[in-house]
Amino acid sequence: DQVAARTAQGVALSLGLGEAGGVVWAVAPVCALTGEGLDTAMASLRTLIDKVRQDARRRDRWR
């Protein structure tokens, strides 16, 4: 949306997220001016949170 805007892949690369082993992460493209893509990004965030919680419950059951 802006000339200097980075792609989602560019942000992930800049943050070194590909090197973050064992960490759940996601980067989603969102327009800072219009908010386009924000609903999808928030849905992805919710999915990640649900997955982490589900995995934690599974681990707790086996302890």
Protein backbone atom coordinates (compact mmCIF):
# COMPACT_ATOMS: atom_id res chain seq x y z
CA ASP A 1 0.00 0.00 0.00
CA GLN A 2 3.01 2.26 0.44
CA VAL A 3 6.11 2.45 -1.73
CA ALA A 4 8.44 1.41 1.12
CA ALA A 5 6.06 -1.25 2.48
CA ARG A 6 7.54 -4.70 2.98
CA THR A 7 5.99 -7.96 1.93
CA ALA A 8 5.00 -10.49 4.59
CA GLN A 9 7.97 -12.60 3.52
CA GLY A 10 10.28 -9.60 3.82
CA VAL A 11 9.08 -8.90 7.36
CA ALA A 12 9.58 -12.54 8.38
CA LEU A 13 13.08 -12.50 6.91
CA SER A 14 13.98 -9.20 8.60
CA LEU A 15 12.84 -10.55 11.97
CA GLY A 16 14.71 -13.83 11.49
CA LEU A 17 11.54 -15.82 12.07
CA GLY A 18 12.72 -18.68 9.88
CA GLU A 19 15.50 -19.28 12.40
CA ALA A 20 13.11 -19.33 15.38
CA GLY A 21 12.97 -23.07 15.97
CA GLY A 22 10.14 -24.37 18.12
CA VAL A 23 8.24 -21.10 17.99
CA VAL A 24 4.81 -20.72 16.42
CA TRP A 25 4.65 -17.59 14.29
CA ALA A 26 2.92 -16.08 11.28
CA VAL A 27 3.15 -12.90 9.26
CA ALA A 28 0.14 -11.79 7.24
CA PRO A 29 -0.09 -9.06 4.62
CA VAL A 30 -2.31 -6.19 5.83
CA CYS A 31 -2.84 -2.78 4.25
CA ALA A 32 -1.99 -0.04 6.77
CA LEU A 33 -4.21 2.46 4.97
CA THR A 34 -7.40 0.49 4.38
CA GLY A 35 -7.10 -2.45 6.77
CA GLU A 36 -7.48 -4.88 3.89
CA GLY A 37 -6.33 -8.31 5.02
CA LEU A 38 -6.77 -7.55 8.73
CA ASP A 39 -9.74 -9.91 9.11
CA THR A 40 -7.73 -12.75 7.60
CA ALA A 41 -4.72 -11.92 9.77
CA MET A 42 -6.85 -11.94 12.93
CA ALA A 43 -8.42 -15.26 11.95
CA SER A 44 -4.94 -16.70 11.45
CA LEU A 45 -3.91 -15.40 14.87
CA ARG A 46 -6.93 -17.05 16.44
CA THR A 47 -6.06 -20.33 14.72
CA LEU A 48 -2.49 -20.18 16.03
CA ILE A 49 -3.68 -19.43 19.58
CA ASP A 50 -6.15 -22.31 19.46
CA LYS A 51 -3.44 -24.69 18.21
CA VAL A 52 -0.99 -23.70 20.94
CA ARG A 53 -3.68 -24.15 23.61
CA GLN A 54 -4.69 -27.53 22.20
CA ASP A 55 -1.08 -28.70 22.11
CA ALA A 56 -0.58 -27.55 25.71
CA ARG A 57 -3.66 -29.50 26.85
CA ARG A 58 -2.36 -32.62 25.11
CA ARG A 59 1.03 -32.28 26.80
CA ASP A 60 -0.61 -31.76 30.20
CA ARG A 61 -2.65 -34.95 29.82
CA TRP A 62 0.49 -37.01 29.29
CA ARG A 63 2.31 -35.70 32.36
